[in-house]
Amino acid sequence: PRFRELERRAVRAALTEHDGVVSLGGGAV
């Protein structure tokens, strides 16, 4: 659960801040 919370934050930051290619962790979906 703690990892998934960190993952949610990392994904949100990457998708809103990065304009290149983003690779998501396997369980992010």
mmCIF file of all heavy atoms, coordinates in Angstrom:
data_MODEL
# 
_entry.id   MODEL 
# 
loop_
_atom_site.group_PDB 
_atom_site.id 
_atom_site.type_symbol 
_atom_site.label_atom_id 
_atom_site.label_alt_id 
_atom_site.label_comp_id 
_atom_site.label_asym_id 
_atom_site.label_entity_id 
_atom_site.label_seq_id 
_atom_site.pdbx_PDB_ins_code 
_atom_site.Cartn_x 
_atom_site.Cartn_y 
_atom_site.Cartn_z 
_atom_site.occupancy 
_atom_site.B_iso_or_equiv 
_atom_site.pdbx_formal_charge 
_atom_site.auth_seq_id 
_atom_site.auth_comp_id 
_atom_site.auth_asym_id 
_atom_site.auth_atom_id 
_atom_site.pdbx_PDB_model_num 
ATOM 1   N N   . PRO A 1 1  ? 0.816  -1.226 0.000   1.00 0.00 ? 1  PRO A N   1 
ATOM 2   C CA  . PRO A 1 1  ? 0.000  0.000  0.000   1.00 0.00 ? 1  PRO A CA  1 
ATOM 3   C C   . PRO A 1 1  ? 0.851  1.279  0.000   1.00 0.00 ? 1  PRO A C   1 
ATOM 4   O O   . PRO A 1 1  ? 0.530  2.231  -0.710  1.00 0.00 ? 1  PRO A O   1 
ATOM 5   C CB  . PRO A 1 1  ? -0.826 -0.125 1.284   1.00 0.00 ? 1  PRO A CB  1 
ATOM 6   C CG  . PRO A 1 1  ? -0.919 -1.607 1.520   1.00 0.00 ? 1  PRO A CG  1 
ATOM 7   C CD  . PRO A 1 1  ? 0.411  -2.152 1.069   1.00 0.00 ? 1  PRO A CD  1 
ATOM 8   N N   . ARG A 1 2  ? 1.932  1.289  0.779   1.00 0.00 ? 2  ARG A N   1 
ATOM 9   C CA  . ARG A 1 2  ? 2.822  2.463  0.802   1.00 0.00 ? 2  ARG A CA  1 
ATOM 10  C C   . ARG A 1 2  ? 3.479  2.660  -0.560  1.00 0.00 ? 2  ARG A C   1 
ATOM 11  O O   . ARG A 1 2  ? 3.563  3.771  -1.072  1.00 0.00 ? 2  ARG A O   1 
ATOM 12  C CB  . ARG A 1 2  ? 3.884  2.291  1.895   1.00 0.00 ? 2  ARG A CB  1 
ATOM 13  C CG  . ARG A 1 2  ? 4.990  3.318  1.863   1.00 0.00 ? 2  ARG A CG  1 
ATOM 14  C CD  . ARG A 1 2  ? 4.522  4.700  2.281   1.00 0.00 ? 2  ARG A CD  1 
ATOM 15  N NE  . ARG A 1 2  ? 5.667  5.605  2.288   1.00 0.00 ? 2  ARG A NE  1 
ATOM 16  C CZ  . ARG A 1 2  ? 5.597  6.867  1.906   1.00 0.00 ? 2  ARG A CZ  1 
ATOM 17  N NH1 . ARG A 1 2  ? 4.449  7.392  1.543   1.00 0.00 ? 2  ARG A NH1 1 
ATOM 18  N NH2 . ARG A 1 2  ? 6.665  7.621  1.914   1.00 0.00 ? 2  ARG A NH2 1 
ATOM 19  N N   . PHE A 1 3  ? 3.937  1.546  -1.161  1.00 0.00 ? 3  PHE A N   1 
ATOM 20  C CA  . PHE A 1 3  ? 4.548  1.655  -2.481  1.00 0.00 ? 3  PHE A CA  1 
ATOM 21  C C   . PHE A 1 3  ? 3.548  2.216  -3.493  1.00 0.00 ? 3  PHE A C   1 
ATOM 22  O O   . PHE A 1 3  ? 3.889  3.092  -4.290  1.00 0.00 ? 3  PHE A O   1 
ATOM 23  C CB  . PHE A 1 3  ? 5.084  0.302  -2.983  1.00 0.00 ? 3  PHE A CB  1 
ATOM 24  C CG  . PHE A 1 3  ? 5.482  0.368  -4.425  1.00 0.00 ? 3  PHE A CG  1 
ATOM 25  C CD1 . PHE A 1 3  ? 6.645  1.018  -4.800  1.00 0.00 ? 3  PHE A CD1 1 
ATOM 26  C CD2 . PHE A 1 3  ? 4.664  -0.164 -5.410  1.00 0.00 ? 3  PHE A CD2 1 
ATOM 27  C CE1 . PHE A 1 3  ? 6.990  1.133  -6.135  1.00 0.00 ? 3  PHE A CE1 1 
ATOM 28  C CE2 . PHE A 1 3  ? 5.002  -0.058 -6.750  1.00 0.00 ? 3  PHE A CE2 1 
ATOM 29  C CZ  . PHE A 1 3  ? 6.174  0.591  -7.118  1.00 0.00 ? 3  PHE A CZ  1 
ATOM 30  N N   . ARG A 1 4  ? 2.314  1.732  -3.460  1.00 0.00 ? 4  ARG A N   1 
ATOM 31  C CA  . ARG A 1 4  ? 1.308  2.197  -4.430  1.00 0.00 ? 4  ARG A CA  1 
ATOM 32  C C   . ARG A 1 4  ? 1.016  3.683  -4.255  1.00 0.00 ? 4  ARG A C   1 
ATOM 33  O O   . ARG A 1 4  ? 0.754  4.385  -5.235  1.00 0.00 ? 4  ARG A O   1 
ATOM 34  C CB  . ARG A 1 4  ? 0.017  1.373  -4.331  1.00 0.00 ? 4  ARG A CB  1 
ATOM 35  C CG  . ARG A 1 4  ? 0.190  -0.083 -4.722  1.00 0.00 ? 4  ARG A CG  1 
ATOM 36  C CD  . ARG A 1 4  ? 0.578  -0.282 -6.182  1.00 0.00 ? 4  ARG A CD  1 
ATOM 37  N NE  . ARG A 1 4  ? 0.850  -1.681 -6.463  1.00 0.00 ? 4  ARG A NE  1 
ATOM 38  C CZ  . ARG A 1 4  ? 1.602  -2.107 -7.460  1.00 0.00 ? 4  ARG A CZ  1 
ATOM 39  N NH1 . ARG A 1 4  ? 2.158  -1.250 -8.303  1.00 0.00 ? 4  ARG A NH1 1 
ATOM 40  N NH2 . ARG A 1 4  ? 1.806  -3.389 -7.634  1.00 0.00 ? 4  ARG A NH2 1 
ATOM 41  N N   . GLU A 1 5  ? 1.064  4.176  -3.030  1.00 0.00 ? 5  GLU A N   1 
ATOM 42  C CA  . GLU A 1 5  ? 0.880  5.614  -2.793  1.00 0.00 ? 5  GLU A CA  1 
ATOM 43  C C   . GLU A 1 5  ? 2.035  6.401  -3.416  1.00 0.00 ? 5  GLU A C   1 
ATOM 44  O O   . GLU A 1 5  ? 1.822  7.425  -4.074  1.00 0.00 ? 5  GLU A O   1 
ATOM 45  C CB  . GLU A 1 5  ? 0.777  5.906  -1.293  1.00 0.00 ? 5  GLU A CB  1 
ATOM 46  C CG  . GLU A 1 5  ? 0.691  7.383  -0.954  1.00 0.00 ? 5  GLU A CG  1 
ATOM 47  C CD  . GLU A 1 5  ? -0.449 8.113  -1.663  1.00 0.00 ? 5  GLU A CD  1 
ATOM 48  O OE1 . GLU A 1 5  ? -1.521 7.528  -1.880  1.00 0.00 ? 5  GLU A OE1 1 
ATOM 49  O OE2 . GLU A 1 5  ? -0.252 9.296  -2.017  1.00 0.00 ? 5  GLU A OE2 1 
ATOM 50  N N   . LEU A 1 6  ? 3.257  5.926  -3.216  1.00 0.00 ? 6  LEU A N   1 
ATOM 51  C CA  . LEU A 1 6  ? 4.424  6.575  -3.829  1.00 0.00 ? 6  LEU A CA  1 
ATOM 52  C C   . LEU A 1 6  ? 4.306  6.539  -5.359  1.00 0.00 ? 6  LEU A C   1 
ATOM 53  O O   . LEU A 1 6  ? 4.617  7.512  -6.042  1.00 0.00 ? 6  LEU A O   1 
ATOM 54  C CB  . LEU A 1 6  ? 5.718  5.872  -3.392  1.00 0.00 ? 6  LEU A CB  1 
ATOM 55  C CG  . LEU A 1 6  ? 6.075  5.960  -1.914  1.00 0.00 ? 6  LEU A CG  1 
ATOM 56  C CD1 . LEU A 1 6  ? 7.222  5.007  -1.587  1.00 0.00 ? 6  LEU A CD1 1 
ATOM 57  C CD2 . LEU A 1 6  ? 6.414  7.392  -1.522  1.00 0.00 ? 6  LEU A CD2 1 
ATOM 58  N N   . GLU A 1 7  ? 3.822  5.405  -5.861  1.00 0.00 ? 7  GLU A N   1 
ATOM 59  C CA  . GLU A 1 7  ? 3.671  5.239  -7.308  1.00 0.00 ? 7  GLU A CA  1 
ATOM 60  C C   . GLU A 1 7  ? 2.632  6.221  -7.860  1.00 0.00 ? 7  GLU A C   1 
ATOM 61  O O   . GLU A 1 7  ? 2.858  6.851  -8.900  1.00 0.00 ? 7  GLU A O   1 
ATOM 62  C CB  . GLU A 1 7  ? 3.269  3.798  -7.609  1.00 0.00 ? 7  GLU A CB  1 
ATOM 63  C CG  . GLU A 1 7  ? 3.153  3.486  -9.091  1.00 0.00 ? 7  GLU A CG  1 
ATOM 64  C CD  . GLU A 1 7  ? 2.898  2.026  -9.331  1.00 0.00 ? 7  GLU A CD  1 
ATOM 65  O OE1 . GLU A 1 7  ? 1.904  1.469  -8.785  1.00 0.00 ? 7  GLU A OE1 1 
ATOM 66  O OE2 . GLU A 1 7  ? 3.697  1.418  -10.067 1.00 0.00 ? 7  GLU A OE2 1 
ATOM 67  N N   . ARG A 1 8  ? 1.491  6.362  -7.160  1.00 0.00 ? 8  ARG A N   1 
ATOM 68  C CA  . ARG A 1 8  ? 0.458  7.313  -7.610  1.00 0.00 ? 8  ARG A CA  1 
ATOM 69  C C   . ARG A 1 8  ? 1.034  8.714  -7.744  1.00 0.00 ? 8  ARG A C   1 
ATOM 70  O O   . ARG A 1 8  ? 0.794  9.398  -8.734  1.00 0.00 ? 8  ARG A O   1 
ATOM 71  C CB  . ARG A 1 8  ? -0.715 7.338  -6.616  1.00 0.00 ? 8  ARG A CB  1 
ATOM 72  C CG  . ARG A 1 8  ? -1.771 6.296  -6.876  1.00 0.00 ? 8  ARG A CG  1 
ATOM 73  C CD  . ARG A 1 8  ? -3.022 6.515  -6.027  1.00 0.00 ? 8  ARG A CD  1 
ATOM 74  N NE  . ARG A 1 8  ? -2.805 6.286  -4.609  1.00 0.00 ? 8  ARG A NE  1 
ATOM 75  C CZ  . ARG A 1 8  ? -2.762 5.084  -4.033  1.00 0.00 ? 8  ARG A CZ  1 
ATOM 76  N NH1 . ARG A 1 8  ? -2.937 4.003  -4.743  1.00 0.00 ? 8  ARG A NH1 1 
ATOM 77  N NH2 . ARG A 1 8  ? -2.559 4.965  -2.746  1.00 0.00 ? 8  ARG A NH2 1 
ATOM 78  N N   . ARG A 1 9  ? 1.808  9.126  -6.740  1.00 0.00 ? 9  ARG A N   1 
ATOM 79  C CA  . ARG A 1 9  ? 2.408  10.466 -6.764  1.00 0.00 ? 9  ARG A CA  1 
ATOM 80  C C   . ARG A 1 9  ? 3.408  10.605 -7.907  1.00 0.00 ? 9  ARG A C   1 
ATOM 81  O O   . ARG A 1 9  ? 3.430  11.623 -8.604  1.00 0.00 ? 9  ARG A O   1 
ATOM 82  C CB  . ARG A 1 9  ? 3.091  10.774 -5.439  1.00 0.00 ? 9  ARG A CB  1 
ATOM 83  C CG  . ARG A 1 9  ? 2.105  11.155 -4.360  1.00 0.00 ? 9  ARG A CG  1 
ATOM 84  C CD  . ARG A 1 9  ? 2.830  11.760 -3.171  1.00 0.00 ? 9  ARG A CD  1 
ATOM 85  N NE  . ARG A 1 9  ? 2.436  11.020 -1.991  1.00 0.00 ? 9  ARG A NE  1 
ATOM 86  C CZ  . ARG A 1 9  ? 3.209  10.739 -0.978  1.00 0.00 ? 9  ARG A CZ  1 
ATOM 87  N NH1 . ARG A 1 9  ? 4.462  11.111 -0.959  1.00 0.00 ? 9  ARG A NH1 1 
ATOM 88  N NH2 . ARG A 1 9  ? 2.741  10.071 0.054   1.00 0.00 ? 9  ARG A NH2 1 
ATOM 89  N N   . ALA A 1 10 ? 4.246  9.581  -8.083  1.00 0.00 ? 10 ALA A N   1 
ATOM 90  C CA  . ALA A 1 10 ? 5.269  9.627  -9.139  1.00 0.00 ? 10 ALA A CA  1 
ATOM 91  C C   . ALA A 1 10 ? 4.620  9.675  -10.525 1.00 0.00 ? 10 ALA A C   1 
ATOM 92  O O   . ALA A 1 10 ? 5.073  10.417 -11.411 1.00 0.00 ? 10 ALA A O   1 
ATOM 93  C CB  . ALA A 1 10 ? 6.199  8.415  -9.025  1.00 0.00 ? 10 ALA A CB  1 
ATOM 94  N N   . VAL A 1 11 ? 3.568  8.895  -10.709 1.00 0.00 ? 11 VAL A N   1 
ATOM 95  C CA  . VAL A 1 11 ? 2.877  8.865  -12.004 1.00 0.00 ? 11 VAL A CA  1 
ATOM 96  C C   . VAL A 1 11 ? 2.221  10.213 -12.276 1.00 0.00 ? 11 VAL A C   1 
ATOM 97  O O   . VAL A 1 11 ? 2.347  10.769 -13.370 1.00 0.00 ? 11 VAL A O   1 
ATOM 98  C CB  . VAL A 1 11 ? 1.841  7.720  -12.045 1.00 0.00 ? 11 VAL A CB  1 
ATOM 99  C CG1 . VAL A 1 11 ? 0.909  7.866  -13.244 1.00 0.00 ? 11 VAL A CG1 1 
ATOM 100 C CG2 . VAL A 1 11 ? 2.539  6.373  -12.065 1.00 0.00 ? 11 VAL A CG2 1 
ATOM 101 N N   . ARG A 1 12 ? 1.528  10.749 -11.286 1.00 0.00 ? 12 ARG A N   1 
ATOM 102 C CA  . ARG A 1 12 ? 0.875  12.056 -11.468 1.00 0.00 ? 12 ARG A CA  1 
ATOM 103 C C   . ARG A 1 12 ? 1.911  13.123 -11.854 1.00 0.00 ? 12 ARG A C   1 
ATOM 104 O O   . ARG A 1 12 ? 1.700  13.890 -12.789 1.00 0.00 ? 12 ARG A O   1 
ATOM 105 C CB  . ARG A 1 12 ? 0.128  12.479 -10.201 1.00 0.00 ? 12 ARG A CB  1 
ATOM 106 C CG  . ARG A 1 12 ? -0.539 13.853 -10.316 1.00 0.00 ? 12 ARG A CG  1 
ATOM 107 C CD  . ARG A 1 12 ? -1.355 14.196 -9.072  1.00 0.00 ? 12 ARG A CD  1 
ATOM 108 N NE  . ARG A 1 12 ? -2.493 13.318 -8.887  1.00 0.00 ? 12 ARG A NE  1 
ATOM 109 C CZ  . ARG A 1 12 ? -3.653 13.448 -9.546  1.00 0.00 ? 12 ARG A CZ  1 
ATOM 110 N NH1 . ARG A 1 12 ? -3.807 14.408 -10.414 1.00 0.00 ? 12 ARG A NH1 1 
ATOM 111 N NH2 . ARG A 1 12 ? -4.644 12.607 -9.318  1.00 0.00 ? 12 ARG A NH2 1 
ATOM 112 N N   . ALA A 1 13 ? 3.031  13.141 -11.151 1.00 0.00 ? 13 ALA A N   1 
ATOM 113 C CA  . ALA A 1 13 ? 4.083  14.123 -11.458 1.00 0.00 ? 13 ALA A CA  1 
ATOM 114 C C   . ALA A 1 13 ? 4.611  13.925 -12.878 1.00 0.00 ? 13 ALA A C   1 
ATOM 115 O O   . ALA A 1 13 ? 4.749  14.889 -13.636 1.00 0.00 ? 13 ALA A O   1 
ATOM 116 C CB  . ALA A 1 13 ? 5.220  14.010 -10.441 1.00 0.00 ? 13 ALA A CB  1 
ATOM 117 N N   . ALA A 1 14 ? 4.891  12.683 -13.240 1.00 0.00 ? 14 ALA A N   1 
ATOM 118 C CA  . ALA A 1 14 ? 5.445  12.416 -14.573 1.00 0.00 ? 14 ALA A CA  1 
ATOM 119 C C   . ALA A 1 14 ? 4.465  12.812 -15.675 1.00 0.00 ? 14 ALA A C   1 
ATOM 120 O O   . ALA A 1 14 ? 4.851  13.423 -16.675 1.00 0.00 ? 14 ALA A O   1 
ATOM 121 C CB  . ALA A 1 14 ? 5.831  10.945 -14.697 1.00 0.00 ? 14 ALA A CB  1 
ATOM 122 N N   . LEU A 1 15 ? 3.191  12.476 -15.493 1.00 0.00 ? 15 LEU A N   1 
ATOM 123 C CA  . LEU A 1 15 ? 2.205  12.748 -16.542 1.00 0.00 ? 15 LEU A CA  1 
ATOM 124 C C   . LEU A 1 15 ? 1.881  14.233 -16.664 1.00 0.00 ? 15 LEU A C   1 
ATOM 125 O O   . LEU A 1 15 ? 1.485  14.692 -17.736 1.00 0.00 ? 15 LEU A O   1 
ATOM 126 C CB  . LEU A 1 15 ? 0.914  11.961 -16.294 1.00 0.00 ? 15 LEU A CB  1 
ATOM 127 C CG  . LEU A 1 15 ? 1.041  10.436 -16.390 1.00 0.00 ? 15 LEU A CG  1 
ATOM 128 C CD1 . LEU A 1 15 ? -0.294 9.775  -16.062 1.00 0.00 ? 15 LEU A CD1 1 
ATOM 129 C CD2 . LEU A 1 15 ? 1.556  9.989  -17.752 1.00 0.00 ? 15 LEU A CD2 1 
ATOM 130 N N   . THR A 1 16 ? 2.043  14.988 -15.589 1.00 0.00 ? 16 THR A N   1 
ATOM 131 C CA  . THR A 1 16 ? 1.716  16.412 -15.648 1.00 0.00 ? 16 THR A CA  1 
ATOM 132 C C   . THR A 1 16 ? 2.927  17.298 -15.916 1.00 0.00 ? 16 THR A C   1 
ATOM 133 O O   . THR A 1 16 ? 2.776  18.409 -16.414 1.00 0.00 ? 16 THR A O   1 
ATOM 134 C CB  . THR A 1 16 ? 1.021  16.881 -14.357 1.00 0.00 ? 16 THR A CB  1 
ATOM 135 O OG1 . THR A 1 16 ? 1.859  16.602 -13.238 1.00 0.00 ? 16 THR A OG1 1 
ATOM 136 C CG2 . THR A 1 16 ? -0.315 16.190 -14.169 1.00 0.00 ? 16 THR A CG2 1 
ATOM 137 N N   . GLU A 1 17 ? 4.134  16.805 -15.617 1.00 0.00 ? 17 GLU A N   1 
ATOM 138 C CA  . GLU A 1 17 ? 5.328  17.646 -15.750 1.00 0.00 ? 17 GLU A CA  1 
ATOM 139 C C   . GLU A 1 17 ? 6.203  17.305 -16.947 1.00 0.00 ? 17 GLU A C   1 
ATOM 140 O O   . GLU A 1 17 ? 6.984  18.139 -17.392 1.00 0.00 ? 17 GLU A O   1 
ATOM 141 C CB  . GLU A 1 17 ? 6.213  17.493 -14.494 1.00 0.00 ? 17 GLU A CB  1 
ATOM 142 C CG  . GLU A 1 17 ? 5.553  17.905 -13.208 1.00 0.00 ? 17 GLU A CG  1 
ATOM 143 C CD  . GLU A 1 17 ? 6.337  17.444 -11.984 1.00 0.00 ? 17 GLU A CD  1 
ATOM 144 O OE1 . GLU A 1 17 ? 7.441  16.873 -12.137 1.00 0.00 ? 17 GLU A OE1 1 
ATOM 145 O OE2 . GLU A 1 17 ? 5.839  17.659 -10.865 1.00 0.00 ? 17 GLU A OE2 1 
ATOM 146 N N   . HIS A 1 18 ? 6.133  16.090 -17.449 1.00 0.00 ? 18 HIS A N   1 
ATOM 147 C CA  . HIS A 1 18 ? 7.101  15.624 -18.444 1.00 0.00 ? 18 HIS A CA  1 
ATOM 148 C C   . HIS A 1 18 ? 6.494  15.638 -19.843 1.00 0.00 ? 18 HIS A C   1 
ATOM 149 O O   . HIS A 1 18 ? 5.378  15.158 -20.048 1.00 0.00 ? 18 HIS A O   1 
ATOM 150 C CB  . HIS A 1 18 ? 7.558  14.201 -18.082 1.00 0.00 ? 18 HIS A CB  1 
ATOM 151 C CG  . HIS A 1 18 ? 8.697  13.709 -18.900 1.00 0.00 ? 18 HIS A CG  1 
ATOM 152 N ND1 . HIS A 1 18 ? 9.969  14.235 -18.820 1.00 0.00 ? 18 HIS A ND1 1 
ATOM 153 C CD2 . HIS A 1 18 ? 8.760  12.735 -19.836 1.00 0.00 ? 18 HIS A CD2 1 
ATOM 154 C CE1 . HIS A 1 18 ? 10.758 13.610 -19.662 1.00 0.00 ? 18 HIS A CE1 1 
ATOM 155 N NE2 . HIS A 1 18 ? 10.043 12.681 -20.297 1.00 0.00 ? 18 HIS A NE2 1 
ATOM 156 N N   . ASP A 1 19 ? 7.246  16.175 -20.808 1.00 0.00 ? 19 ASP A N   1 
ATOM 157 C CA  . ASP A 1 19 ? 6.724  16.233 -22.175 1.00 0.00 ? 19 ASP A CA  1 
ATOM 158 C C   . ASP A 1 19 ? 7.462  15.294 -23.130 1.00 0.00 ? 19 ASP A C   1 
ATOM 159 O O   . ASP A 1 19 ? 7.358  15.425 -24.343 1.00 0.00 ? 19 ASP A O   1 
ATOM 160 C CB  . ASP A 1 19 ? 6.734  17.671 -22.698 1.00 0.00 ? 19 ASP A CB  1 
ATOM 161 C CG  . ASP A 1 19 ? 8.134  18.261 -22.778 1.00 0.00 ? 19 ASP A CG  1 
ATOM 162 O OD1 . ASP A 1 19 ? 9.104  17.591 -22.377 1.00 0.00 ? 19 ASP A OD1 1 
ATOM 163 O OD2 . ASP A 1 19 ? 8.251  19.410 -23.240 1.00 0.00 ? 19 ASP A OD2 1 
ATOM 164 N N   . GLY A 1 20 ? 8.185  14.322 -22.577 1.00 0.00 ? 20 GLY A N   1 
ATOM 165 C CA  . GLY A 1 20 ? 8.869  13.337 -23.408 1.00 0.00 ? 20 GLY A CA  1 
ATOM 166 C C   . GLY A 1 20 ? 8.157  12.002 -23.364 1.00 0.00 ? 20 GLY A C   1 
ATOM 167 O O   . GLY A 1 20 ? 6.932  11.921 -23.466 1.00 0.00 ? 20 GLY A O   1 
ATOM 168 N N   . VAL A 1 21 ? 8.939  10.940 -23.178 1.00 0.00 ? 21 VAL A N   1 
ATOM 169 C CA  . VAL A 1 21 ? 8.407  9.584  -23.081 1.00 0.00 ? 21 VAL A CA  1 
ATOM 170 C C   . VAL A 1 21 ? 8.323  9.213  -21.599 1.00 0.00 ? 21 VAL A C   1 
ATOM 171 O O   . VAL A 1 21 ? 9.257  9.467  -20.844 1.00 0.00 ? 21 VAL A O   1 
ATOM 172 C CB  . VAL A 1 21 ? 9.324  8.582  -23.825 1.00 0.00 ? 21 VAL A CB  1 
ATOM 173 C CG1 . VAL A 1 21 ? 8.814  7.153  -23.663 1.00 0.00 ? 21 VAL A CG1 1 
ATOM 174 C CG2 . VAL A 1 21 ? 9.432  8.953  -25.304 1.00 0.00 ? 21 VAL A CG2 1 
ATOM 175 N N   . VAL A 1 22 ? 7.194  8.616  -21.200 1.00 0.00 ? 22 VAL A N   1 
ATOM 176 C CA  . VAL A 1 22 ? 7.015  8.180  -19.818 1.00 0.00 ? 22 VAL A CA  1 
ATOM 177 C C   . VAL A 1 22 ? 6.795  6.670  -19.806 1.00 0.00 ? 22 VAL A C   1 
ATOM 178 O O   . VAL A 1 22 ? 5.960  6.148  -20.549 1.00 0.00 ? 22 VAL A O   1 
ATOM 179 C CB  . VAL A 1 22 ? 5.809  8.882  -19.138 1.00 0.00 ? 22 VAL A CB  1 
ATOM 180 C CG1 . VAL A 1 22 ? 5.571  8.325  -17.734 1.00 0.00 ? 22 VAL A CG1 1 
ATOM 181 C CG2 . VAL A 1 22 ? 6.033  10.389 -19.074 1.00 0.00 ? 22 VAL A CG2 1 
ATOM 182 N N   . SER A 1 23 ? 7.563  5.983  -18.955 1.00 0.00 ? 23 SER A N   1 
ATOM 183 C CA  . SER A 1 23 ? 7.404  4.545  -18.732 1.00 0.00 ? 23 SER A CA  1 
ATOM 184 C C   . SER A 1 23 ? 6.818  4.358  -17.342 1.00 0.00 ? 23 SER A C   1 
ATOM 185 O O   . SER A 1 23 ? 7.407  4.792  -16.357 1.00 0.00 ? 23 SER A O   1 
ATOM 186 C CB  . SER A 1 23 ? 8.774  3.861  -18.828 1.00 0.00 ? 23 SER A CB  1 
ATOM 187 O OG  . SER A 1 23 ? 8.689  2.525  -18.393 1.00 0.00 ? 23 SER A OG  1 
ATOM 188 N N   . LEU A 1 24 ? 5.642  3.722  -17.283 1.00 0.00 ? 24 LEU A N   1 
ATOM 189 C CA  . LEU A 1 24 ? 4.980  3.502  -15.997 1.00 0.00 ? 24 LEU A CA  1 
ATOM 190 C C   . LEU A 1 24 ? 5.317  2.124  -15.442 1.00 0.00 ? 24 LEU A C   1 
ATOM 191 O O   . LEU A 1 24 ? 5.470  1.168  -16.207 1.00 0.00 ? 24 LEU A O   1 
ATOM 192 C CB  . LEU A 1 24 ? 3.458  3.594  -16.141 1.00 0.00 ? 24 LEU A CB  1 
ATOM 193 C CG  . LEU A 1 24 ? 2.872  4.919  -16.612 1.00 0.00 ? 24 LEU A CG  1 
ATOM 194 C CD1 . LEU A 1 24 ? 1.352  4.880  -16.502 1.00 0.00 ? 24 LEU A CD1 1 
ATOM 195 C CD2 . LEU A 1 24 ? 3.422  6.099  -15.833 1.00 0.00 ? 24 LEU A CD2 1 
ATOM 196 N N   . GLY A 1 25 ? 5.382  2.027  -14.118 1.00 0.00 ? 25 GLY A N   1 
ATOM 197 C CA  . GLY A 1 25 ? 5.567  0.736  -13.476 1.00 0.00 ? 25 GLY A CA  1 
ATOM 198 C C   . GLY A 1 25 ? 4.418  -0.188 -13.841 1.00 0.00 ? 25 GLY A C   1 
ATOM 199 O O   . GLY A 1 25 ? 3.299  0.269  -14.126 1.00 0.00 ? 25 GLY A O   1 
ATOM 200 N N   . GLY A 1 26 ? 4.674  -1.493 -13.827 1.00 0.00 ? 26 GLY A N   1 
ATOM 201 C CA  . GLY A 1 26 ? 3.694  -2.472 -14.274 1.00 0.00 ? 26 GLY A CA  1 
ATOM 202 C C   . GLY A 1 26 ? 2.356  -2.407 -13.573 1.00 0.00 ? 26 GLY A C   1 
ATOM 203 O O   . GLY A 1 26 ? 1.320  -2.682 -14.170 1.00 0.00 ? 26 GLY A O   1 
ATOM 204 N N   . GLY A 1 27 ? 2.335  -2.028 -12.291 1.00 0.00 ? 27 GLY A N   1 
ATOM 205 C CA  . GLY A 1 27 ? 1.088  -2.002 -11.536 1.00 0.00 ? 27 GLY A CA  1 
ATOM 206 C C   . GLY A 1 27 ? 0.411  -0.651 -11.462 1.00 0.00 ? 27 GLY A C   1 
ATOM 207 O O   . GLY A 1 27 ? -0.636 -0.514 -10.831 1.00 0.00 ? 27 GLY A O   1 
ATOM 208 N N   . ALA A 1 28 ? 0.973  0.354  -12.109 1.00 0.00 ? 28 ALA A N   1 
ATOM 209 C CA  . ALA A 1 28 ? 0.421  1.713  -12.015 1.00 0.00 ? 28 ALA A CA  1 
ATOM 210 C C   . ALA A 1 28 ? -1.039 1.783  -12.466 1.00 0.00 ? 28 ALA A C   1 
ATOM 211 O O   . ALA A 1 28 ? -1.823 2.545  -11.908 1.00 0.00 ? 28 ALA A O   1 
ATOM 212 C CB  . ALA A 1 28 ? 1.267  2.693  -12.820 1.00 0.00 ? 28 ALA A CB  1 
ATOM 213 N N   . VAL A 1 29 ? -1.415 0.948  -13.441 1.00 0.00 ? 29 VAL A N   1 
ATOM 214 C CA  . VAL A 1 29 ? -2.780 0.993  -13.977 1.00 0.00 ? 29 VAL A CA  1 
ATOM 215 C C   . VAL A 1 29 ? -3.821 0.454  -12.996 1.00 0.00 ? 29 VAL A C   1 
ATOM 216 O O   . VAL A 1 29 ? -5.024 0.590  -13.247 1.00 0.00 ? 29 VAL A O   1 
ATOM 217 C CB  . VAL A 1 29 ? -2.903 0.229  -15.319 1.00 0.00 ? 29 VAL A CB  1 
ATOM 218 C CG1 . VAL A 1 29 ? -2.041 0.872  -16.387 1.00 0.00 ? 29 VAL A CG1 1 
ATOM 219 C CG2 . VAL A 1 29 ? -2.589 -1.239 -15.147 1.00 0.00 ? 29 VAL A CG2 1 
# 
